[in-house]
């Protein structure tokens, strides 16, 4: 059985990983100490299309799959649970 992901999903994983390494990881400890998750990072996630993955395109989302959503969550959680 082949469990490899389609190229589109691997590209999404790489994009989410780079975003998390650049925008989340450097600040995660500070955010945890302050019990704060800044609005600015949420907006950046939205600008990159990470916030509306499961929302249909006709409503402004990405129209993605649950697998795509899980991939993004996994990469973000790697740096800040």
PDB file of N, CA and C in Angstrom:
ATOM      1  N   UNK A   1       0.832  -1.174   0.000  1.00  0.00           N
ATOM      2  CA  UNK A   1       0.000   0.000   0.000  1.00  0.00           C
ATOM      3  C   UNK A   1       0.886   1.251   0.000  1.00  0.00           C
ATOM      4  N   UNK A   2       0.561   2.189  -0.843  1.00  0.00           N
ATOM      5  CA  UNK A   2       1.337   3.419  -0.975  1.00  0.00           C
ATOM      6  C   UNK A   2       0.682   4.524  -0.152  1.00  0.00           C
ATOM      7  N   UNK A   3       1.399   5.017   0.868  1.00  0.00           N
ATOM      8  CA  UNK A   3       0.868   6.063   1.726  1.00  0.00           C
ATOM      9  C   UNK A   3       1.453   7.437   1.410  1.00  0.00           C
ATOM     10  N   UNK A   4       2.158   7.556   0.308  1.00  0.00           N
ATOM     11  CA  UNK A   4       2.735   8.852  -0.047  1.00  0.00           C
ATOM     12  C   UNK A   4       1.620   9.828  -0.427  1.00  0.00           C
ATOM     13  N   UNK A   5       1.896  11.092  -0.170  1.00  0.00           N
ATOM     14  CA  UNK A   5       0.921  12.136  -0.458  1.00  0.00           C
ATOM     15  C   UNK A   5       1.126  12.682  -1.869  1.00  0.00           C
ATOM     16  N   UNK A   6       0.052  13.178  -2.483  1.00  0.00           N
ATOM     17  CA  UNK A   6       0.187  13.829  -3.790  1.00  0.00           C
ATOM     18  C   UNK A   6       1.137  15.031  -3.696  1.00  0.00           C
ATOM     19  N   UNK A   7       1.726  15.397  -4.805  1.00  0.00           N
ATOM     20  CA  UNK A   7       2.678  16.504  -4.850  1.00  0.00           C
ATOM     21  C   UNK A   7       2.071  17.794  -4.298  1.00  0.00           C
ATOM     22  N   UNK A   8       0.813  18.042  -4.581  1.00  0.00           N
ATOM     23  CA  UNK A   8       0.126  19.248  -4.089  1.00  0.00           C
ATOM     24  C   UNK A   8       0.158  19.300  -2.555  1.00  0.00           C
ATOM     25  N   UNK A   9      -0.036  18.156  -1.920  1.00  0.00           N
ATOM     26  CA  UNK A   9      -0.033  18.101  -0.459  1.00  0.00           C
ATOM     27  C   UNK A   9       1.377  18.285   0.088  1.00  0.00           C
ATOM     28  N   UNK A  10       2.359  17.727  -0.589  1.00  0.00           N
ATOM     29  CA  UNK A  10       3.752  17.905  -0.152  1.00  0.00           C
ATOM     30  C   UNK A  10       4.184  19.363  -0.276  1.00  0.00           C
ATOM     31  N   UNK A  11       3.706  20.035  -1.317  1.00  0.00           N
ATOM     32  CA  UNK A  11       4.007  21.459  -1.479  1.00  0.00           C
ATOM     33  C   UNK A  11       3.361  22.273  -0.357  1.00  0.00           C
ATOM     34  N   UNK A  12       2.144  21.907   0.013  1.00  0.00           N
ATOM     35  CA  UNK A  12       1.465  22.567   1.117  1.00  0.00           C
ATOM     36  C   UNK A  12       2.236  22.337   2.411  1.00  0.00           C
ATOM     37  N   UNK A  13       2.692  21.101   2.641  1.00  0.00           N
ATOM     38  CA  UNK A  13       3.461  20.784   3.848  1.00  0.00           C
ATOM     39  C   UNK A  13       4.721  21.655   3.917  1.00  0.00           C
ATOM     40  N   UNK A  14       5.423  21.772   2.815  1.00  0.00           N
ATOM     41  CA  UNK A  14       6.654  22.571   2.786  1.00  0.00           C
ATOM     42  C   UNK A  14       6.352  24.048   3.043  1.00  0.00           C
ATOM     43  N   UNK A  15       5.278  24.540   2.464  1.00  0.00           N
ATOM     44  CA  UNK A  15       4.892  25.936   2.663  1.00  0.00           C
ATOM     45  C   UNK A  15       4.527  26.197   4.128  1.00  0.00           C
ATOM     46  N   UNK A  16       3.750  25.310   4.716  1.00  0.00           N
ATOM     47  CA  UNK A  16       3.365  25.455   6.121  1.00  0.00           C
ATOM     48  C   UNK A  16       4.580  25.333   7.032  1.00  0.00           C
ATOM     49  N   UNK A  17       5.487  24.428   6.693  1.00  0.00           N
ATOM     50  CA  UNK A  17       6.704  24.252   7.503  1.00  0.00           C
ATOM     51  C   UNK A  17       7.550  25.518   7.488  1.00  0.00           C
ATOM     52  N   UNK A  18       7.759  26.082   6.307  1.00  0.00           N
ATOM     53  CA  UNK A  18       8.560  27.308   6.198  1.00  0.00           C
ATOM     54  C   UNK A  18       7.899  28.465   6.941  1.00  0.00           C
ATOM     55  N   UNK A  19       6.580  28.561   6.819  1.00  0.00           N
ATOM     56  CA  UNK A  19       5.860  29.611   7.522  1.00  0.00           C
ATOM     57  C   UNK A  19       6.041  29.458   9.034  1.00  0.00           C
ATOM     58  N   UNK A  20       5.870  28.248   9.525  1.00  0.00           N
ATOM     59  CA  UNK A  20       5.994  27.994  10.964  1.00  0.00           C
ATOM     60  C   UNK A  20       7.409  28.269  11.459  1.00  0.00           C
ATOM     61  N   UNK A  21       8.394  27.852  10.688  1.00  0.00           N
ATOM     62  CA  UNK A  21       9.789  28.083  11.093  1.00  0.00           C
ATOM     63  C   UNK A  21      10.127  29.568  11.130  1.00  0.00           C
ATOM     64  N   UNK A  22       9.560  30.322  10.209  1.00  0.00           N
ATOM     65  CA  UNK A  22       9.865  31.744  10.085  1.00  0.00           C
ATOM     66  C   UNK A  22       9.036  32.621  11.018  1.00  0.00           C
ATOM     67  N   UNK A  23       7.738  32.339  11.111  1.00  0.00           N
ATOM     68  CA  UNK A  23       6.825  33.255  11.793  1.00  0.00           C
ATOM     69  C   UNK A  23       6.315  32.771  13.147  1.00  0.00           C
ATOM     70  N   UNK A  24       6.418  31.481  13.419  1.00  0.00           N
ATOM     71  CA  UNK A  24       5.880  30.957  14.672  1.00  0.00           C
ATOM     72  C   UNK A  24       6.988  30.561  15.642  1.00  0.00           C
ATOM     73  N   UNK A  25       7.897  29.732  15.194  1.00  0.00           N
ATOM     74  CA  UNK A  25       8.933  29.183  16.083  1.00  0.00           C
ATOM     75  C   UNK A  25       9.722  30.247  16.851  1.00  0.00           C
ATOM     76  N   UNK A  26      10.158  31.331  16.201  1.00  0.00           N
ATOM     77  CA  UNK A  26      10.966  32.312  16.935  1.00  0.00           C
ATOM     78  C   UNK A  26      10.225  33.001  18.091  1.00  0.00           C
ATOM     79  N   UNK A  27       8.892  32.951  18.093  1.00  0.00           N
ATOM     80  CA  UNK A  27       8.104  33.698  19.069  1.00  0.00           C
ATOM     81  C   UNK A  27       7.289  32.804  20.006  1.00  0.00           C
ATOM     82  N   UNK A  28       7.279  31.511  19.775  1.00  0.00           N
ATOM     83  CA  UNK A  28       6.376  30.599  20.485  1.00  0.00           C
ATOM     84  C   UNK A  28       6.543  30.651  21.999  1.00  0.00           C
ATOM     85  N   UNK A  29       7.770  30.639  22.487  1.00  0.00           N
ATOM     86  CA  UNK A  29       7.974  30.658  23.940  1.00  0.00           C
ATOM     87  C   UNK A  29       7.466  31.952  24.564  1.00  0.00           C
ATOM     88  N   UNK A  30       7.740  33.056  23.911  1.00  0.00           N
ATOM     89  CA  UNK A  30       7.261  34.350  24.420  1.00  0.00           C
ATOM     90  C   UNK A  30       5.737  34.378  24.452  1.00  0.00           C
ATOM     91  N   UNK A  31       5.099  33.910  23.379  1.00  0.00           N
ATOM     92  CA  UNK A  31       3.639  33.892  23.332  1.00  0.00           C
ATOM     93  C   UNK A  31       3.075  33.011  24.443  1.00  0.00           C
ATOM     94  N   UNK A  32       3.720  31.880  24.700  1.00  0.00           N
ATOM     95  CA  UNK A  32       3.262  30.999  25.773  1.00  0.00           C
ATOM     96  C   UNK A  32       3.400  31.671  27.130  1.00  0.00           C
ATOM     97  N   UNK A  33       4.533  32.331  27.360  1.00  0.00           N
ATOM     98  CA  UNK A  33       4.746  33.033  28.632  1.00  0.00           C
ATOM     99  C   UNK A  33       3.693  34.122  28.851  1.00  0.00           C
ATOM    100  N   UNK A  34       3.370  34.815  27.780  1.00  0.00           N
ATOM    101  CA  UNK A  34       2.408  35.918  27.865  1.00  0.00           C
ATOM    102  C   UNK A  34       0.955  35.451  27.739  1.00  0.00           C
ATOM    103  N   UNK A  35       0.774  34.168  27.446  1.00  0.00           N
ATOM    104  CA  UNK A  35      -0.577  33.622  27.196  1.00  0.00           C
ATOM    105  C   UNK A  35      -1.292  34.466  26.140  1.00  0.00           C
ATOM    106  N   UNK A  36      -0.566  34.736  25.060  1.00  0.00           N
ATOM    107  CA  UNK A  36      -1.066  35.619  24.012  1.00  0.00           C
ATOM    108  C   UNK A  36      -0.677  35.065  22.645  1.00  0.00           C
ATOM    109  N   UNK A  37      -1.587  35.138  21.715  1.00  0.00           N
ATOM    110  CA  UNK A  37      -1.322  34.767  20.332  1.00  0.00           C
ATOM    111  C   UNK A  37      -1.729  35.977  19.498  1.00  0.00           C
ATOM    112  N   UNK A  38      -0.775  36.773  19.033  1.00  0.00           N
ATOM    113  CA  UNK A  38      -1.076  38.057  18.397  1.00  0.00           C
ATOM    114  C   UNK A  38      -1.974  37.950  17.160  1.00  0.00           C
ATOM    115  N   UNK A  39      -2.828  38.940  17.013  1.00  0.00           N
ATOM    116  CA  UNK A  39      -3.699  39.013  15.845  1.00  0.00           C
ATOM    117  C   UNK A  39      -2.894  39.058  14.551  1.00  0.00           C
ATOM    118  N   UNK A  40      -1.734  39.666  14.601  1.00  0.00           N
ATOM    119  CA  UNK A  40      -0.920  39.826  13.391  1.00  0.00           C
ATOM    120  C   UNK A  40      -0.534  38.470  12.791  1.00  0.00           C
ATOM    121  N   UNK A  41      -0.235  37.496  13.626  1.00  0.00           N
ATOM    122  CA  UNK A  41       0.155  36.186  13.088  1.00  0.00           C
ATOM    123  C   UNK A  41      -1.064  35.482  12.488  1.00  0.00           C
ATOM    124  N   UNK A  42      -2.218  35.690  13.074  1.00  0.00           N
ATOM    125  CA  UNK A  42      -3.451  35.111  12.524  1.00  0.00           C
ATOM    126  C   UNK A  42      -3.714  35.709  11.137  1.00  0.00           C
ATOM    127  N   UNK A  43      -3.516  37.014  11.010  1.00  0.00           N
ATOM    128  CA  UNK A  43      -3.696  37.665   9.696  1.00  0.00           C
ATOM    129  C   UNK A  43      -2.695  37.116   8.677  1.00  0.00           C
ATOM    130  N   UNK A  44      -1.439  36.918   9.105  1.00  0.00           N
ATOM    131  CA  UNK A  44      -0.432  36.356   8.194  1.00  0.00           C
ATOM    132  C   UNK A  44      -0.822  34.956   7.747  1.00  0.00           C
ATOM    133  N   UNK A  45      -1.348  34.161   8.687  1.00  0.00           N
ATOM    134  CA  UNK A  45      -1.811  32.818   8.327  1.00  0.00           C
ATOM    135  C   UNK A  45      -2.929  32.901   7.290  1.00  0.00           C
ATOM    136  N   UNK A  46      -3.834  33.853   7.501  1.00  0.00           N
ATOM    137  CA  UNK A  46      -4.930  34.043   6.553  1.00  0.00           C
ATOM    138  C   UNK A  46      -4.436  34.494   5.192  1.00  0.00           C
ATOM    139  N   UNK A  47      -3.468  35.394   5.185  1.00  0.00           N
ATOM    140  CA  UNK A  47      -2.906  35.883   3.921  1.00  0.00           C
ATOM    141  C   UNK A  47      -2.282  34.744   3.116  1.00  0.00           C
ATOM    142  N   UNK A  48      -1.746  33.755   3.817  1.00  0.00           N
ATOM    143  CA  UNK A  48      -1.122  32.615   3.151  1.00  0.00           C
ATOM    144  C   UNK A  48      -2.128  31.512   2.799  1.00  0.00           C
ATOM    145  N   UNK A  49      -3.393  31.691   3.208  1.00  0.00           N
ATOM    146  CA  UNK A  49      -4.425  30.717   2.891  1.00  0.00           C
ATOM    147  C   UNK A  49      -4.528  29.572   3.881  1.00  0.00           C
ATOM    148  N   UNK A  50      -3.892  29.706   5.038  1.00  0.00           N
ATOM    149  CA  UNK A  50      -3.910  28.626   6.020  1.00  0.00           C
ATOM    150  C   UNK A  50      -5.148  28.645   6.911  1.00  0.00           C
ATOM    151  N   UNK A  51      -5.836  29.755   7.002  1.00  0.00           N
ATOM    152  CA  UNK A  51      -6.945  29.866   7.946  1.00  0.00           C
ATOM    153  C   UNK A  51      -8.278  29.367   7.395  1.00  0.00           C
ATOM    154  N   UNK A  52      -8.454  29.355   6.116  1.00  0.00           N
ATOM    155  CA  UNK A  52      -9.747  28.977   5.550  1.00  0.00           C
ATOM    156  C   UNK A  52      -9.687  27.726   4.700  1.00  0.00           C
ATOM    157  N   UNK A  53      -8.860  26.799   5.078  1.00  0.00           N
ATOM    158  CA  UNK A  53      -8.649  25.610   4.253  1.00  0.00           C
ATOM    159  C   UNK A  53      -9.947  24.840   4.022  1.00  0.00           C
ATOM    160  N   UNK A  54     -10.756  24.671   5.049  1.00  0.00           N
ATOM    161  CA  UNK A  54     -11.972  23.868   4.923  1.00  0.00           C
ATOM    162  C   UNK A  54     -13.185  24.663   4.447  1.00  0.00           C
ATOM    163  N   UNK A  55     -13.015  25.961   4.278  1.00  0.00           N
ATOM    164  CA  UNK A  55     -14.123  26.810   3.834  1.00  0.00           C
ATOM    165  C   UNK A  55     -14.185  26.766   2.303  1.00  0.00           C
ATOM    166  N   UNK A  56     -15.375  26.530   1.732  1.00  0.00           N
ATOM    167  CA  UNK A  56     -15.499  26.499   0.272  1.00  0.00           C
ATOM    168  C   UNK A  56     -15.044  27.814  -0.371  1.00  0.00           C
ATOM    169  N   UNK A  57     -14.529  27.719  -1.565  1.00  0.00           N
ATOM    170  CA  UNK A  57     -14.022  28.897  -2.264  1.00  0.00           C
ATOM    171  C   UNK A  57     -15.092  29.958  -2.477  1.00  0.00           C
ATOM    172  N   UNK A  58     -16.321  29.554  -2.703  1.00  0.00           N
ATOM    173  CA  UNK A  58     -17.380  30.550  -2.936  1.00  0.00           C
ATOM    174  C   UNK A  58     -17.659  31.405  -1.706  1.00  0.00           C
ATOM    175  N   UNK A  59     -17.141  30.983  -0.549  1.00  0.00           N
ATOM    176  CA  UNK A  59     -17.290  31.764   0.679  1.00  0.00           C
ATOM    177  C   UNK A  59     -15.969  32.395   1.118  1.00  0.00           C
ATOM    178  N   UNK A  60     -14.985  32.399   0.231  1.00  0.00           N
ATOM    179  CA  UNK A  60     -13.721  33.064   0.515  1.00  0.00           C
ATOM    180  C   UNK A  60     -12.631  32.172   1.075  1.00  0.00           C
ATOM    181  N   UNK A  61     -12.887  30.878   1.182  1.00  0.00           N
ATOM    182  CA  UNK A  61     -11.886  29.957   1.707  1.00  0.00           C
ATOM    183  C   UNK A  61     -11.053  29.329   0.614  1.00  0.00           C
ATOM    184  N   UNK A  62     -10.266  28.357   1.011  1.00  0.00           N
ATOM    185  CA  UNK A  62      -9.398  27.659   0.069  1.00  0.00           C
ATOM    186  C   UNK A  62     -10.079  26.473  -0.592  1.00  0.00           C
ATOM    187  N   UNK A  63     -11.140  25.970   0.028  1.00  0.00           N
ATOM    188  CA  UNK A  63     -11.828  24.817  -0.539  1.00  0.00           C
ATOM    189  C   UNK A  63     -11.002  23.554  -0.463  1.00  0.00           C
ATOM    190  N   UNK A  64     -10.177  23.461   0.558  1.00  0.00           N
ATOM    191  CA  UNK A  64      -9.284  22.312   0.708  1.00  0.00           C
ATOM    192  C   UNK A  64      -9.954  21.118   1.375  1.00  0.00           C
ATOM    193  N   UNK A  65      -9.142  20.116   1.621  1.00  0.00           N
ATOM    194  CA  UNK A  65      -9.611  18.870   2.212  1.00  0.00           C
ATOM    195  C   UNK A  65      -9.223  18.793   3.689  1.00  0.00           C
ATOM    196  N   UNK A  66      -9.793  17.821   4.369  1.00  0.00           N
ATOM    197  CA  UNK A  66      -9.424  17.595   5.763  1.00  0.00           C
ATOM    198  C   UNK A  66      -7.965  17.159   5.877  1.00  0.00           C
ATOM    199  N   UNK A  67      -7.471  16.464   4.890  1.00  0.00           N
ATOM    200  CA  UNK A  67      -6.064  16.066   4.892  1.00  0.00           C
ATOM    201  C   UNK A  67      -5.174  17.295   4.807  1.00  0.00           C
ATOM    202  N   UNK A  68      -5.534  18.245   3.968  1.00  0.00           N
ATOM    203  CA  UNK A  68      -4.761  19.486   3.861  1.00  0.00           C
ATOM    204  C   UNK A  68      -4.777  20.236   5.193  1.00  0.00           C
ATOM    205  N   UNK A  69      -5.924  20.284   5.824  1.00  0.00           N
ATOM    206  CA  UNK A  69      -6.061  20.943   7.118  1.00  0.00           C
ATOM    207  C   UNK A  69      -5.158  20.277   8.151  1.00  0.00           C
ATOM    208  N   UNK A  70      -5.153  18.946   8.169  1.00  0.00           N
ATOM    209  CA  UNK A  70      -4.320  18.196   9.118  1.00  0.00           C
ATOM    210  C   UNK A  70      -2.836  18.438   8.866  1.00  0.00           C
ATOM    211  N   UNK A  71      -2.443  18.528   7.615  1.00  0.00           N
ATOM    212  CA  UNK A  71      -1.041  18.780   7.277  1.00  0.00           C
ATOM    213  C   UNK A  71      -0.590  20.128   7.846  1.00  0.00           C
ATOM    214  N   UNK A  72      -1.397  21.157   7.659  1.00  0.00           N
ATOM    215  CA  UNK A  72      -1.044  22.488   8.164  1.00  0.00           C
ATOM    216  C   UNK A  72      -0.997  22.484   9.691  1.00  0.00           C
ATOM    217  N   UNK A  73      -1.995  21.892  10.325  1.00  0.00           N
ATOM    218  CA  UNK A  73      -2.000  21.824  11.786  1.00  0.00           C
ATOM    219  C   UNK A  73      -0.774  21.094  12.309  1.00  0.00           C
ATOM    220  N   UNK A  74      -0.418  20.019  11.667  1.00  0.00           N
ATOM    221  CA  UNK A  74       0.747  19.240  12.076  1.00  0.00           C
ATOM    222  C   UNK A  74       2.024  20.071  12.021  1.00  0.00           C
ATOM    223  N   UNK A  75       2.207  20.805  10.945  1.00  0.00           N
ATOM    224  CA  UNK A  75       3.413  21.623  10.805  1.00  0.00           C
ATOM    225  C   UNK A  75       3.433  22.775  11.796  1.00  0.00           C
ATOM    226  N   UNK A  76       2.286  23.415  12.037  1.00  0.00           N
ATOM    227  CA  UNK A  76       2.246  24.501  13.013  1.00  0.00           C
ATOM    228  C   UNK A  76       2.474  23.963  14.419  1.00  0.00           C
ATOM    229  N   UNK A  77       1.865  22.846  14.742  1.00  0.00           N
ATOM    230  CA  UNK A  77       1.993  22.261  16.078  1.00  0.00           C
ATOM    231  C   UNK A  77       3.414  21.797  16.351  1.00  0.00           C
ATOM    232  N   UNK A  78       4.148  21.491  15.319  1.00  0.00           N
ATOM    233  CA  UNK A  78       5.556  21.094  15.488  1.00  0.00           C
ATOM    234  C   UNK A  78       6.343  22.209  16.189  1.00  0.00           C
ATOM    235  N   UNK A  79       5.932  23.453  15.998  1.00  0.00           N
ATOM    236  CA  UNK A  79       6.651  24.597  16.548  1.00  0.00           C
ATOM    237  C   UNK A  79       5.937  25.278  17.702  1.00  0.00           C
ATOM    238  N   UNK A  80       4.629  25.128  17.784  1.00  0.00           N
ATOM    239  CA  UNK A  80       3.883  25.720  18.895  1.00  0.00           C
ATOM    240  C   UNK A  80       2.558  24.976  19.046  1.00  0.00           C
ATOM    241  N   UNK A  81       2.528  24.093  20.021  1.00  0.00           N
ATOM    242  CA  UNK A  81       1.336  23.267  20.260  1.00  0.00           C
ATOM    243  C   UNK A  81       0.144  24.089  20.653  1.00  0.00           C
TER     244      UNK A  81
END
